[in-house]
Protein backbone atom coordinates (compact mmCIF):
# COMPACT_ATOMS: atom_id res chain seq x y z
CA UNK A 1 0.00 0.00 0.00
CA UNK A 2 1.51 3.30 -1.01
CA UNK A 3 1.57 6.36 1.23
CA UNK A 4 -1.30 8.06 -0.59
CA UNK A 5 -3.53 5.00 -0.12
CA UNK A 6 -2.58 4.89 3.57
CA UNK A 7 -3.55 8.54 3.96
CA UNK A 8 -6.87 7.95 2.25
CA UNK A 9 -7.51 4.91 4.44
CA UNK A 10 -6.65 6.87 7.60
CA UNK A 11 -8.87 9.73 6.48
CA UNK A 12 -11.77 7.29 5.98
CA UNK A 13 -11.16 5.79 9.42
CA UNK A 14 -11.13 9.26 10.97
CA UNK A 15 -14.41 10.14 9.27
CA UNK A 16 -15.96 6.85 10.43
CA UNK A 17 -14.84 7.48 14.02
CA UNK A 18 -16.12 11.06 13.90
CA UNK A 19 -19.50 9.81 12.71
CA UNK A 20 -19.60 7.21 15.51
CA UNK A 21 -18.74 9.92 18.02
CA UNK A 22 -21.50 12.17 16.67
CA UNK A 23 -24.06 9.34 16.92
CA UNK A 24 -23.00 8.50 20.49
CA UNK A 25 -23.26 12.15 21.51
CA UNK A 26 -26.70 12.36 19.89
CA UNK A 27 -27.86 9.20 21.70
CA UNK A 28 -26.48 10.52 24.97
CA UNK A 29 -28.45 13.73 24.53
CA UNK A 30 -31.61 11.78 23.69
CA UNK A 31 -31.13 9.63 26.80
CA UNK A 32 -30.72 12.77 28.91
CA UNK A 33 -33.96 14.22 27.52
CA UNK A 34 -35.77 10.96 28.33
CA UNK A 35 -34.49 11.07 31.91
CA UNK A 36 -35.54 14.70 32.28
CA UNK A 37 -39.04 13.82 31.09
CA UNK A 38 -39.29 10.72 33.30
CA UNK A 39 -38.37 12.80 36.32
CA UNK A 40 -40.93 15.44 35.42
CA UNK A 41 -38.14 18.01 35.23
CA UNK A 42 -39.34 19.15 31.82
CA UNK A 43 -41.97 21.21 33.65
CA UNK A 44 -39.25 23.25 35.38
CA UNK A 45 -38.12 26.55 33.93
CA UNK A 46 -34.76 26.59 32.12
CA UNK A 47 -33.46 28.96 34.80
CA UNK A 48 -34.22 26.48 37.57
CA UNK A 49 -32.64 23.60 35.65
CA UNK A 50 -29.52 25.62 34.83
CA UNK A 51 -29.23 26.94 38.38
CA UNK A 52 -29.62 23.52 39.95
CA UNK A 53 -27.09 22.00 37.56
CA UNK A 54 -24.68 24.80 38.40
CA UNK A 55 -25.14 24.11 42.13
CA UNK A 56 -24.63 20.37 41.54
CA UNK A 57 -21.41 20.95 39.60
CA UNK A 58 -20.12 23.30 42.29
CA UNK A 59 -20.98 20.80 45.03
CA UNK A 60 -19.25 18.04 43.10
CA UNK A 61 -16.05 20.06 42.63
CA UNK A 62 -16.10 21.05 46.28
CA UNK A 63 -16.49 17.37 47.17
CA UNK A 64 -19.58 18.00 49.29
CA UNK A 65 -21.14 14.94 50.92
CA UNK A 66 -24.55 15.61 49.34
CA UNK A 67 -23.19 14.51 45.97
CA UNK A 68 -22.83 10.96 47.30
CA UNK A 69 -26.54 10.95 48.09
CA UNK A 70 -27.35 12.34 44.64
CA UNK A 71 -25.17 9.70 43.02
CA UNK A 72 -26.87 6.89 44.93
CA UNK A 73 -30.32 8.24 44.01
CA UNK A 74 -29.31 8.54 40.35
CA UNK A 75 -27.98 5.00 40.36
CA UNK A 76 -31.24 3.77 41.89
CA UNK A 77 -33.28 5.53 39.21
CA UNK A 78 -31.11 4.28 36.34
CA UNK A 79 -31.20 0.70 37.64
CA UNK A 80 -34.99 0.86 38.00
CA UNK A 81 -35.20 2.13 34.44
CA UNK A 82 -33.07 -0.72 33.12
CA UNK A 83 -35.11 -3.33 34.98
CA UNK A 84 -38.50 -2.08 33.88
CA UNK A 85 -40.16 -3.29 30.72
CA UNK A 86 -39.94 -1.08 27.66
CA UNK A 87 -37.65 1.35 29.42
CA UNK A 88 -40.55 2.85 31.40
CA UNK A 89 -39.82 3.52 35.02
CA UNK A 90 -42.10 3.64 37.98
CA UNK A 91 -42.82 7.16 39.16
CA UNK A 92 -42.36 6.05 42.76
CA UNK A 93 -38.86 7.54 42.84
CA UNK A 94 -40.37 11.00 42.34
CA UNK A 95 -42.12 10.81 45.69
CA UNK A 96 -39.52 8.85 47.64
CA UNK A 97 -37.17 11.72 48.41
CA UNK A 98 -38.96 15.00 47.81
CA UNK A 99 -38.67 16.33 51.34
CA UNK A 100 -34.94 15.84 51.76
CA UNK A 101 -32.36 18.56 51.81
CA UNK A 102 -30.70 19.21 48.44
CA UNK A 103 -27.74 21.30 49.54
CA UNK A 104 -25.18 20.95 52.27
PDB file of N, CA and C in Angstrom:
ATOM      1  N   UNK A   1       0.845  -1.173   0.000  1.00  0.00           N
ATOM      2  CA  UNK A   1       0.000   0.000   0.000  1.00  0.00           C
ATOM      3  C   UNK A   1       0.893   1.239   0.000  1.00  0.00           C
ATOM      4  N   UNK A   2       0.676   2.105  -0.955  1.00  0.00           N
ATOM      5  CA  UNK A   2       1.512   3.304  -1.011  1.00  0.00           C
ATOM      6  C   UNK A   2       1.051   4.342   0.006  1.00  0.00           C
ATOM      7  N   UNK A   3       1.863   5.381   0.189  1.00  0.00           N
ATOM      8  CA  UNK A   3       1.574   6.362   1.232  1.00  0.00           C
ATOM      9  C   UNK A   3       0.275   7.124   0.980  1.00  0.00           C
ATOM     10  N   UNK A   4      -0.051   7.356  -0.274  1.00  0.00           N
ATOM     11  CA  UNK A   4      -1.299   8.055  -0.593  1.00  0.00           C
ATOM     12  C   UNK A   4      -2.504   7.192  -0.205  1.00  0.00           C
ATOM     13  N   UNK A   5      -2.441   5.905  -0.485  1.00  0.00           N
ATOM     14  CA  UNK A   5      -3.525   5.000  -0.116  1.00  0.00           C
ATOM     15  C   UNK A   5      -3.675   4.912   1.401  1.00  0.00           C
ATOM     16  N   UNK A   6      -2.538   4.928   2.110  1.00  0.00           N
ATOM     17  CA  UNK A   6      -2.578   4.890   3.569  1.00  0.00           C
ATOM     18  C   UNK A   6      -3.258   6.143   4.117  1.00  0.00           C
ATOM     19  N   UNK A   7      -2.937   7.292   3.522  1.00  0.00           N
ATOM     20  CA  UNK A   7      -3.545   8.540   3.962  1.00  0.00           C
ATOM     21  C   UNK A   7      -5.055   8.538   3.718  1.00  0.00           C
ATOM     22  N   UNK A   8      -5.452   8.026   2.572  1.00  0.00           N
ATOM     23  CA  UNK A   8      -6.874   7.949   2.250  1.00  0.00           C
ATOM     24  C   UNK A   8      -7.570   7.007   3.225  1.00  0.00           C
ATOM     25  N   UNK A   9      -6.944   5.879   3.508  1.00  0.00           N
ATOM     26  CA  UNK A   9      -7.506   4.905   4.442  1.00  0.00           C
ATOM     27  C   UNK A   9      -7.630   5.513   5.848  1.00  0.00           C
ATOM     28  N   UNK A  10      -6.604   6.224   6.291  1.00  0.00           N
ATOM     29  CA  UNK A  10      -6.649   6.872   7.600  1.00  0.00           C
ATOM     30  C   UNK A  10      -7.732   7.944   7.639  1.00  0.00           C
ATOM     31  N   UNK A  11      -7.854   8.694   6.553  1.00  0.00           N
ATOM     32  CA  UNK A  11      -8.875   9.728   6.475  1.00  0.00           C
ATOM     33  C   UNK A  11     -10.272   9.111   6.578  1.00  0.00           C
ATOM     34  N   UNK A  12     -10.480   7.986   5.908  1.00  0.00           N
ATOM     35  CA  UNK A  12     -11.767   7.286   5.982  1.00  0.00           C
ATOM     36  C   UNK A  12     -12.034   6.785   7.396  1.00  0.00           C
ATOM     37  N   UNK A  13     -11.005   6.260   8.042  1.00  0.00           N
ATOM     38  CA  UNK A  13     -11.161   5.785   9.419  1.00  0.00           C
ATOM     39  C   UNK A  13     -11.500   6.937  10.363  1.00  0.00           C
ATOM     40  N   UNK A  14     -10.854   8.081  10.155  1.00  0.00           N
ATOM     41  CA  UNK A  14     -11.131   9.259  10.975  1.00  0.00           C
ATOM     42  C   UNK A  14     -12.575   9.695  10.782  1.00  0.00           C
ATOM     43  N   UNK A  15     -13.025   9.736   9.544  1.00  0.00           N
ATOM     44  CA  UNK A  15     -14.408  10.139   9.267  1.00  0.00           C
ATOM     45  C   UNK A  15     -15.392   9.154   9.893  1.00  0.00           C
ATOM     46  N   UNK A  16     -15.102   7.868   9.833  1.00  0.00           N
ATOM     47  CA  UNK A  16     -15.962   6.851  10.433  1.00  0.00           C
ATOM     48  C   UNK A  16     -16.030   7.039  11.947  1.00  0.00           C
ATOM     49  N   UNK A  17     -14.873   7.275  12.570  1.00  0.00           N
ATOM     50  CA  UNK A  17     -14.843   7.480  14.019  1.00  0.00           C
ATOM     51  C   UNK A  17     -15.559   8.771  14.418  1.00  0.00           C
ATOM     52  N   UNK A  18     -15.418   9.815  13.612  1.00  0.00           N
ATOM     53  CA  UNK A  18     -16.118  11.062  13.905  1.00  0.00           C
ATOM     54  C   UNK A  18     -17.630  10.872  13.821  1.00  0.00           C
ATOM     55  N   UNK A  19     -18.075  10.088  12.853  1.00  0.00           N
ATOM     56  CA  UNK A  19     -19.504   9.814  12.710  1.00  0.00           C
ATOM     57  C   UNK A  19     -20.005   8.994  13.896  1.00  0.00           C
ATOM     58  N   UNK A  20     -19.224   7.998  14.334  1.00  0.00           N
ATOM     59  CA  UNK A  20     -19.603   7.206  15.507  1.00  0.00           C
ATOM     60  C   UNK A  20     -19.696   8.095  16.746  1.00  0.00           C
ATOM     61  N   UNK A  21     -18.737   8.997  16.890  1.00  0.00           N
ATOM     62  CA  UNK A  21     -18.735   9.919  18.022  1.00  0.00           C
ATOM     63  C   UNK A  21     -19.985  10.799  17.984  1.00  0.00           C
ATOM     64  N   UNK A  22     -20.325  11.319  16.822  1.00  0.00           N
ATOM     65  CA  UNK A  22     -21.498  12.169  16.674  1.00  0.00           C
ATOM     66  C   UNK A  22     -22.770  11.411  17.060  1.00  0.00           C
ATOM     67  N   UNK A  23     -22.877  10.152  16.605  1.00  0.00           N
ATOM     68  CA  UNK A  23     -24.055   9.338  16.917  1.00  0.00           C
ATOM     69  C   UNK A  23     -24.137   9.037  18.410  1.00  0.00           C
ATOM     70  N   UNK A  24     -23.003   8.758  19.047  1.00  0.00           N
ATOM     71  CA  UNK A  24     -22.998   8.499  20.488  1.00  0.00           C
ATOM     72  C   UNK A  24     -23.391   9.747  21.279  1.00  0.00           C
ATOM     73  N   UNK A  25     -22.898  10.899  20.844  1.00  0.00           N
ATOM     74  CA  UNK A  25     -23.263  12.148  21.508  1.00  0.00           C
ATOM     75  C   UNK A  25     -24.751  12.427  21.340  1.00  0.00           C
ATOM     76  N   UNK A  26     -25.278  12.159  20.157  1.00  0.00           N
ATOM     77  CA  UNK A  26     -26.697  12.357  19.893  1.00  0.00           C
ATOM     78  C   UNK A  26     -27.545  11.430  20.765  1.00  0.00           C
ATOM     79  N   UNK A  27     -27.130  10.164  20.869  1.00  0.00           N
ATOM     80  CA  UNK A  27     -27.857   9.201  21.698  1.00  0.00           C
ATOM     81  C   UNK A  27     -27.794   9.610  23.170  1.00  0.00           C
ATOM     82  N   UNK A  28     -26.647  10.080  23.597  1.00  0.00           N
ATOM     83  CA  UNK A  28     -26.485  10.523  24.975  1.00  0.00           C
ATOM     84  C   UNK A  28     -27.433  11.680  25.280  1.00  0.00           C
ATOM     85  N   UNK A  29     -27.541  12.606  24.358  1.00  0.00           N
ATOM     86  CA  UNK A  29     -28.449  13.730  24.532  1.00  0.00           C
ATOM     87  C   UNK A  29     -29.904  13.259  24.562  1.00  0.00           C
ATOM     88  N   UNK A  30     -30.252  12.338  23.693  1.00  0.00           N
ATOM     89  CA  UNK A  30     -31.613  11.782  23.686  1.00  0.00           C
ATOM     90  C   UNK A  30     -31.918  11.074  24.998  1.00  0.00           C
ATOM     91  N   UNK A  31     -30.957  10.324  25.517  1.00  0.00           N
ATOM     92  CA  UNK A  31     -31.134   9.631  26.801  1.00  0.00           C
ATOM     93  C   UNK A  31     -31.345  10.642  27.929  1.00  0.00           C
ATOM     94  N   UNK A  32     -30.593  11.740  27.896  1.00  0.00           N
ATOM     95  CA  UNK A  32     -30.725  12.769  28.909  1.00  0.00           C
ATOM     96  C   UNK A  32     -32.121  13.396  28.860  1.00  0.00           C
ATOM     97  N   UNK A  33     -32.612  13.662  27.668  1.00  0.00           N
ATOM     98  CA  UNK A  33     -33.956  14.220  27.516  1.00  0.00           C
ATOM     99  C   UNK A  33     -34.997  13.250  28.068  1.00  0.00           C
ATOM    100  N   UNK A  34     -34.836  11.957  27.802  1.00  0.00           N
ATOM    101  CA  UNK A  34     -35.767  10.956  28.330  1.00  0.00           C
ATOM    102  C   UNK A  34     -35.774  10.965  29.854  1.00  0.00           C
ATOM    103  N   UNK A  35     -34.596  11.051  30.451  1.00  0.00           N
ATOM    104  CA  UNK A  35     -34.495  11.070  31.912  1.00  0.00           C
ATOM    105  C   UNK A  35     -35.169  12.319  32.466  1.00  0.00           C
ATOM    106  N   UNK A  36     -34.925  13.454  31.836  1.00  0.00           N
ATOM    107  CA  UNK A  36     -35.541  14.705  32.275  1.00  0.00           C
ATOM    108  C   UNK A  36     -37.058  14.584  32.258  1.00  0.00           C
ATOM    109  N   UNK A  37     -37.592  13.992  31.194  1.00  0.00           N
ATOM    110  CA  UNK A  37     -39.041  13.821  31.088  1.00  0.00           C
ATOM    111  C   UNK A  37     -39.562  12.835  32.120  1.00  0.00           C
ATOM    112  N   UNK A  38     -38.848  11.720  32.323  1.00  0.00           N
ATOM    113  CA  UNK A  38     -39.286  10.721  33.299  1.00  0.00           C
ATOM    114  C   UNK A  38     -39.324  11.290  34.709  1.00  0.00           C
ATOM    115  N   UNK A  39     -38.412  12.191  35.000  1.00  0.00           N
ATOM    116  CA  UNK A  39     -38.367  12.799  36.324  1.00  0.00           C
ATOM    117  C   UNK A  39     -39.400  13.911  36.480  1.00  0.00           C
ATOM    118  N   UNK A  40     -39.992  14.326  35.380  1.00  0.00           N
ATOM    119  CA  UNK A  40     -40.930  15.442  35.415  1.00  0.00           C
ATOM    120  C   UNK A  40     -40.228  16.787  35.428  1.00  0.00           C
ATOM    121  N   UNK A  41     -38.924  16.770  35.199  1.00  0.00           N
ATOM    122  CA  UNK A  41     -38.141  18.006  35.231  1.00  0.00           C
ATOM    123  C   UNK A  41     -38.389  18.888  34.011  1.00  0.00           C
ATOM    124  N   UNK A  42     -39.054  18.344  33.001  1.00  0.00           N
ATOM    125  CA  UNK A  42     -39.342  19.149  31.819  1.00  0.00           C
ATOM    126  C   UNK A  42     -40.375  20.236  32.110  1.00  0.00           C
ATOM    127  N   UNK A  43     -41.017  20.163  33.271  1.00  0.00           N
ATOM    128  CA  UNK A  43     -41.968  21.207  33.654  1.00  0.00           C
ATOM    129  C   UNK A  43     -41.280  22.362  34.386  1.00  0.00           C
ATOM    130  N   UNK A  44     -40.005  22.192  34.710  1.00  0.00           N
ATOM    131  CA  UNK A  44     -39.247  23.250  35.380  1.00  0.00           C
ATOM    132  C   UNK A  44     -38.792  24.293  34.360  1.00  0.00           C
ATOM    133  N   UNK A  45     -38.617  25.506  34.826  1.00  0.00           N
ATOM    134  CA  UNK A  45     -38.123  26.552  33.925  1.00  0.00           C
ATOM    135  C   UNK A  45     -36.652  26.288  33.604  1.00  0.00           C
ATOM    136  N   UNK A  46     -36.191  26.751  32.456  1.00  0.00           N
ATOM    137  CA  UNK A  46     -34.764  26.588  32.120  1.00  0.00           C
ATOM    138  C   UNK A  46     -33.850  27.205  33.176  1.00  0.00           C
ATOM    139  N   UNK A  47     -34.282  28.311  33.776  1.00  0.00           N
ATOM    140  CA  UNK A  47     -33.460  28.960  34.795  1.00  0.00           C
ATOM    141  C   UNK A  47     -33.268  28.062  36.013  1.00  0.00           C
ATOM    142  N   UNK A  48     -34.321  27.381  36.414  1.00  0.00           N
ATOM    143  CA  UNK A  48     -34.219  26.475  37.566  1.00  0.00           C
ATOM    144  C   UNK A  48     -33.312  25.294  37.225  1.00  0.00           C
ATOM    145  N   UNK A  49     -33.483  24.734  36.051  1.00  0.00           N
ATOM    146  CA  UNK A  49     -32.639  23.600  35.646  1.00  0.00           C
ATOM    147  C   UNK A  49     -31.173  24.018  35.589  1.00  0.00           C
ATOM    148  N   UNK A  50     -30.903  25.140  34.951  1.00  0.00           N
ATOM    149  CA  UNK A  50     -29.517  25.617  34.833  1.00  0.00           C
ATOM    150  C   UNK A  50     -28.942  25.926  36.207  1.00  0.00           C
ATOM    151  N   UNK A  51     -29.710  26.604  37.042  1.00  0.00           N
ATOM    152  CA  UNK A  51     -29.234  26.937  38.383  1.00  0.00           C
ATOM    153  C   UNK A  51     -28.944  25.711  39.222  1.00  0.00           C
ATOM    154  N   UNK A  52     -29.839  24.734  39.150  1.00  0.00           N
ATOM    155  CA  UNK A  52     -29.623  23.522  39.947  1.00  0.00           C
ATOM    156  C   UNK A  52     -28.433  22.720  39.423  1.00  0.00           C
ATOM    157  N   UNK A  53     -28.268  22.687  38.116  1.00  0.00           N
ATOM    158  CA  UNK A  53     -27.090  22.003  37.561  1.00  0.00           C
ATOM    159  C   UNK A  53     -25.803  22.716  37.973  1.00  0.00           C
ATOM    160  N   UNK A  54     -25.836  24.030  37.968  1.00  0.00           N
ATOM    161  CA  UNK A  54     -24.676  24.801  38.404  1.00  0.00           C
ATOM    162  C   UNK A  54     -24.329  24.466  39.853  1.00  0.00           C
ATOM    163  N   UNK A  55     -25.348  24.444  40.714  1.00  0.00           N
ATOM    164  CA  UNK A  55     -25.137  24.106  42.126  1.00  0.00           C
ATOM    165  C   UNK A  55     -24.576  22.690  42.273  1.00  0.00           C
ATOM    166  N   UNK A  56     -25.100  21.753  41.470  1.00  0.00           N
ATOM    167  CA  UNK A  56     -24.629  20.366  41.544  1.00  0.00           C
ATOM    168  C   UNK A  56     -23.164  20.270  41.121  1.00  0.00           C
ATOM    169  N   UNK A  57     -22.806  20.965  40.069  1.00  0.00           N
ATOM    170  CA  UNK A  57     -21.409  20.947  39.596  1.00  0.00           C
ATOM    171  C   UNK A  57     -20.490  21.561  40.652  1.00  0.00           C
ATOM    172  N   UNK A  58     -20.915  22.673  41.225  1.00  0.00           N
ATOM    173  CA  UNK A  58     -20.116  23.296  42.286  1.00  0.00           C
ATOM    174  C   UNK A  58     -19.945  22.355  43.472  1.00  0.00           C
ATOM    175  N   UNK A  59     -21.040  21.729  43.898  1.00  0.00           N
ATOM    176  CA  UNK A  59     -20.981  20.802  45.032  1.00  0.00           C
ATOM    177  C   UNK A  59     -20.052  19.634  44.728  1.00  0.00           C
ATOM    178  N   UNK A  60     -20.119  19.153  43.498  1.00  0.00           N
ATOM    179  CA  UNK A  60     -19.247  18.042  43.101  1.00  0.00           C
ATOM    180  C   UNK A  60     -17.776  18.452  43.184  1.00  0.00           C
ATOM    181  N   UNK A  61     -17.451  19.613  42.626  1.00  0.00           N
ATOM    182  CA  UNK A  61     -16.050  20.060  42.627  1.00  0.00           C
ATOM    183  C   UNK A  61     -15.545  20.400  44.029  1.00  0.00           C
ATOM    184  N   UNK A  62     -16.472  20.761  44.900  1.00  0.00           N
ATOM    185  CA  UNK A  62     -16.097  21.048  46.280  1.00  0.00           C
ATOM    186  C   UNK A  62     -16.148  19.792  47.149  1.00  0.00           C
ATOM    187  N   UNK A  63     -16.449  18.662  46.503  1.00  0.00           N
ATOM    188  CA  UNK A  63     -16.492  17.367  47.167  1.00  0.00           C
ATOM    189  C   UNK A  63     -17.439  17.359  48.380  1.00  0.00           C
ATOM    190  N   UNK A  64     -18.592  17.983  48.215  1.00  0.00           N
ATOM    191  CA  UNK A  64     -19.580  17.999  49.289  1.00  0.00           C
ATOM    192  C   UNK A  64     -20.231  16.622  49.406  1.00  0.00           C
ATOM    193  N   UNK A  65     -20.559  16.256  50.636  1.00  0.00           N
ATOM    194  CA  UNK A  65     -21.137  14.937  50.915  1.00  0.00           C
ATOM    195  C   UNK A  65     -22.475  14.707  50.205  1.00  0.00           C
ATOM    196  N   UNK A  66     -23.240  15.760  49.970  1.00  0.00           N
ATOM    197  CA  UNK A  66     -24.548  15.612  49.345  1.00  0.00           C
ATOM    198  C   UNK A  66     -24.448  14.946  47.978  1.00  0.00           C
ATOM    199  N   UNK A  67     -23.322  15.107  47.303  1.00  0.00           N
ATOM    200  CA  UNK A  67     -23.187  14.510  45.965  1.00  0.00           C
ATOM    201  C   UNK A  67     -23.208  12.987  46.034  1.00  0.00           C
ATOM    202  N   UNK A  68     -22.771  12.420  47.146  1.00  0.00           N
ATOM    203  CA  UNK A  68     -22.835  10.960  47.301  1.00  0.00           C
ATOM    204  C   UNK A  68     -24.288  10.498  47.345  1.00  0.00           C
ATOM    205  N   UNK A  69     -25.119  11.268  48.024  1.00  0.00           N
ATOM    206  CA  UNK A  69     -26.542  10.952  48.088  1.00  0.00           C
ATOM    207  C   UNK A  69     -27.166  11.075  46.700  1.00  0.00           C
ATOM    208  N   UNK A  70     -26.828  12.144  45.998  1.00  0.00           N
ATOM    209  CA  UNK A  70     -27.348  12.336  44.641  1.00  0.00           C
ATOM    210  C   UNK A  70     -26.928  11.200  43.728  1.00  0.00           C
ATOM    211  N   UNK A  71     -25.675  10.787  43.848  1.00  0.00           N
ATOM    212  CA  UNK A  71     -25.172   9.698  43.020  1.00  0.00           C
ATOM    213  C   UNK A  71     -25.923   8.404  43.301  1.00  0.00           C
ATOM    214  N   UNK A  72     -26.150   8.110  44.565  1.00  0.00           N
ATOM    215  CA  UNK A  72     -26.874   6.893  44.934  1.00  0.00           C
ATOM    216  C   UNK A  72     -28.299   6.935  44.392  1.00  0.00           C
ATOM    217  N   UNK A  73     -28.950   8.096  44.501  1.00  0.00           N
ATOM    218  CA  UNK A  73     -30.317   8.238  44.009  1.00  0.00           C
ATOM    219  C   UNK A  73     -30.348   8.077  42.488  1.00  0.00           C
ATOM    220  N   UNK A  74     -29.384   8.678  41.809  1.00  0.00           N
ATOM    221  CA  UNK A  74     -29.309   8.542  40.354  1.00  0.00           C
ATOM    222  C   UNK A  74     -29.092   7.103  39.933  1.00  0.00           C
ATOM    223  N   UNK A  75     -28.237   6.414  40.654  1.00  0.00           N
ATOM    224  CA  UNK A  75     -27.983   5.005  40.358  1.00  0.00           C
ATOM    225  C   UNK A  75     -29.251   4.183  40.537  1.00  0.00           C
ATOM    226  N   UNK A  76     -29.979   4.468  41.610  1.00  0.00           N
ATOM    227  CA  UNK A  76     -31.236   3.769  41.885  1.00  0.00           C
ATOM    228  C   UNK A  76     -32.230   3.984  40.739  1.00  0.00           C
ATOM    229  N   UNK A  77     -32.345   5.207  40.289  1.00  0.00           N
ATOM    230  CA  UNK A  77     -33.278   5.534  39.208  1.00  0.00           C
ATOM    231  C   UNK A  77     -32.873   4.851  37.914  1.00  0.00           C
ATOM    232  N   UNK A  78     -31.587   4.904  37.581  1.00  0.00           N
ATOM    233  CA  UNK A  78     -31.108   4.277  36.338  1.00  0.00           C
ATOM    234  C   UNK A  78     -31.288   2.765  36.375  1.00  0.00           C
ATOM    235  N   UNK A  79     -31.024   2.152  37.525  1.00  0.00           N
ATOM    236  CA  UNK A  79     -31.204   0.701  37.642  1.00  0.00           C
ATOM    237  C   UNK A  79     -32.675   0.325  37.515  1.00  0.00           C
ATOM    238  N   UNK A  80     -33.553   1.121  38.104  1.00  0.00           N
ATOM    239  CA  UNK A  80     -34.991   0.863  37.997  1.00  0.00           C
ATOM    240  C   UNK A  80     -35.436   0.980  36.540  1.00  0.00           C
ATOM    241  N   UNK A  81     -34.859   1.928  35.848  1.00  0.00           N
ATOM    242  CA  UNK A  81     -35.197   2.132  34.441  1.00  0.00           C
ATOM    243  C   UNK A  81     -34.758   0.947  33.586  1.00  0.00           C
ATOM    244  N   UNK A  82     -33.585   0.419  33.877  1.00  0.00           N
ATOM    245  CA  UNK A  82     -33.069  -0.724  33.122  1.00  0.00           C
ATOM    246  C   UNK A  82     -33.884  -1.984  33.377  1.00  0.00           C
ATOM    247  N   UNK A  83     -34.370  -2.126  34.613  1.00  0.00           N
ATOM    248  CA  UNK A  83     -35.107  -3.331  34.980  1.00  0.00           C
ATOM    249  C   UNK A  83     -36.539  -3.335  34.465  1.00  0.00           C
ATOM    250  N   UNK A  84     -37.101  -2.149  34.282  1.00  0.00           N
ATOM    251  CA  UNK A  84     -38.504  -2.076  33.880  1.00  0.00           C
ATOM    252  C   UNK A  84     -38.683  -2.445  32.414  1.00  0.00           C
ATOM    253  N   UNK A  85     -39.870  -2.888  32.096  1.00  0.00           N
ATOM    254  CA  UNK A  85     -40.157  -3.295  30.719  1.00  0.00           C
ATOM    255  C   UNK A  85     -40.322  -2.079  29.840  1.00  0.00           C
ATOM    256  N   UNK A  86     -39.781  -2.145  28.639  1.00  0.00           N
ATOM    257  CA  UNK A  86     -39.940  -1.083  27.661  1.00  0.00           C
ATOM    258  C   UNK A  86     -39.258   0.211  28.040  1.00  0.00           C
ATOM    259  N   UNK A  87     -38.373   0.153  29.017  1.00  0.00           N
ATOM    260  CA  UNK A  87     -37.650   1.345  29.422  1.00  0.00           C
ATOM    261  C   UNK A  87     -38.470   2.328  30.238  1.00  0.00           C
ATOM    262  N   UNK A  88     -39.716   1.956  30.599  1.00  0.00           N
ATOM    263  CA  UNK A  88     -40.553   2.848  31.396  1.00  0.00           C
ATOM    264  C   UNK A  88     -40.273   2.589  32.870  1.00  0.00           C
ATOM    265  N   UNK A  89     -40.098   3.666  33.607  1.00  0.00           N
ATOM    266  CA  UNK A  89     -39.817   3.520  35.024  1.00  0.00           C
ATOM    267  C   UNK A  89     -41.053   3.828  35.838  1.00  0.00           C
ATOM    268  N   UNK A  90     -41.050   3.314  37.017  1.00  0.00           N
ATOM    269  CA  UNK A  90     -42.097   3.638  37.981  1.00  0.00           C
ATOM    270  C   UNK A  90     -41.888   5.079  38.425  1.00  0.00           C
ATOM    271  N   UNK A  91     -42.937   5.793  38.682  1.00  0.00           N
ATOM    272  CA  UNK A  91     -42.818   7.159  39.160  1.00  0.00           C
ATOM    273  C   UNK A  91     -42.605   7.216  40.660  1.00  0.00           C
ATOM    274  N   UNK A  92     -42.494   6.062  41.315  1.00  0.00           N
ATOM    275  CA  UNK A  92     -42.356   6.047  42.764  1.00  0.00           C
ATOM    276  C   UNK A  92     -41.104   6.780  43.220  1.00  0.00           C
ATOM    277  N   UNK A  93     -40.063   6.832  42.419  1.00  0.00           N
ATOM    278  CA  UNK A  93     -38.856   7.536  42.841  1.00  0.00           C
ATOM    279  C   UNK A  93     -39.084   9.035  42.940  1.00  0.00           C
ATOM    280  N   UNK A  94     -40.076   9.562  42.245  1.00  0.00           N
ATOM    281  CA  UNK A  94     -40.372  10.996  42.338  1.00  0.00           C
ATOM    282  C   UNK A  94     -40.787  11.365  43.753  1.00  0.00           C
ATOM    283  N   UNK A  95     -41.574  10.503  44.379  1.00  0.00           N
ATOM    284  CA  UNK A  95     -42.122  10.806  45.687  1.00  0.00           C
ATOM    285  C   UNK A  95     -41.234  10.345  46.829  1.00  0.00           C
ATOM    286  N   UNK A  96     -40.277   9.493  46.562  1.00  0.00           N
ATOM    287  CA  UNK A  96     -39.525   8.855  47.639  1.00  0.00           C
ATOM    288  C   UNK A  96     -38.589   9.781  48.378  1.00  0.00           C
ATOM    289  N   UNK A  97     -38.197  10.903  47.770  1.00  0.00           N
ATOM    290  CA  UNK A  97     -37.174  11.718  48.405  1.00  0.00           C
ATOM    291  C   UNK A  97     -37.430  13.210  48.226  1.00  0.00           C
ATOM    292  N   UNK A  98     -38.677  13.607  48.097  1.00  0.00           N
ATOM    293  CA  UNK A  98     -38.961  15.003  47.810  1.00  0.00           C
ATOM    294  C   UNK A  98     -38.721  15.934  48.981  1.00  0.00           C
ATOM    295  N   UNK A  99     -38.808  15.443  50.185  1.00  0.00           N
ATOM    296  CA  UNK A  99     -38.669  16.334  51.339  1.00  0.00           C
ATOM    297  C   UNK A  99     -37.275  16.337  51.949  1.00  0.00           C
ATOM    298  N   UNK A 100     -36.292  15.854  51.214  1.00  0.00           N
ATOM    299  CA  UNK A 100     -34.939  15.836  51.762  1.00  0.00           C
ATOM    300  C   UNK A 100     -34.185  17.068  51.334  1.00  0.00           C
ATOM    301  N   UNK A 101     -33.168  17.396  52.083  1.00  0.00           N
ATOM    302  CA  UNK A 101     -32.358  18.557  51.810  1.00  0.00           C
ATOM    303  C   UNK A 101     -31.531  18.332  50.554  1.00  0.00           C
ATOM    304  N   UNK A 102     -31.427  19.366  49.705  1.00  0.00           N
ATOM    305  CA  UNK A 102     -30.698  19.215  48.441  1.00  0.00           C
ATOM    306  C   UNK A 102     -29.383  19.946  48.430  1.00  0.00           C
ATOM    307  N   UNK A 103     -29.059  20.667  49.474  1.00  0.00           N
ATOM    308  CA  UNK A 103     -27.743  21.302  49.543  1.00  0.00           C
ATOM    309  C   UNK A 103     -27.129  21.024  50.897  1.00  0.00           C
ATOM    310  N   UNK A 104     -25.812  21.163  50.969  1.00  0.00           N
ATOM    311  CA  UNK A 104     -25.178  20.945  52.272  1.00  0.00           C
ATOM    312  C   UNK A 104     -24.484  22.185  52.754  1.00  0.00           C
TER     313      UNK A 104
END
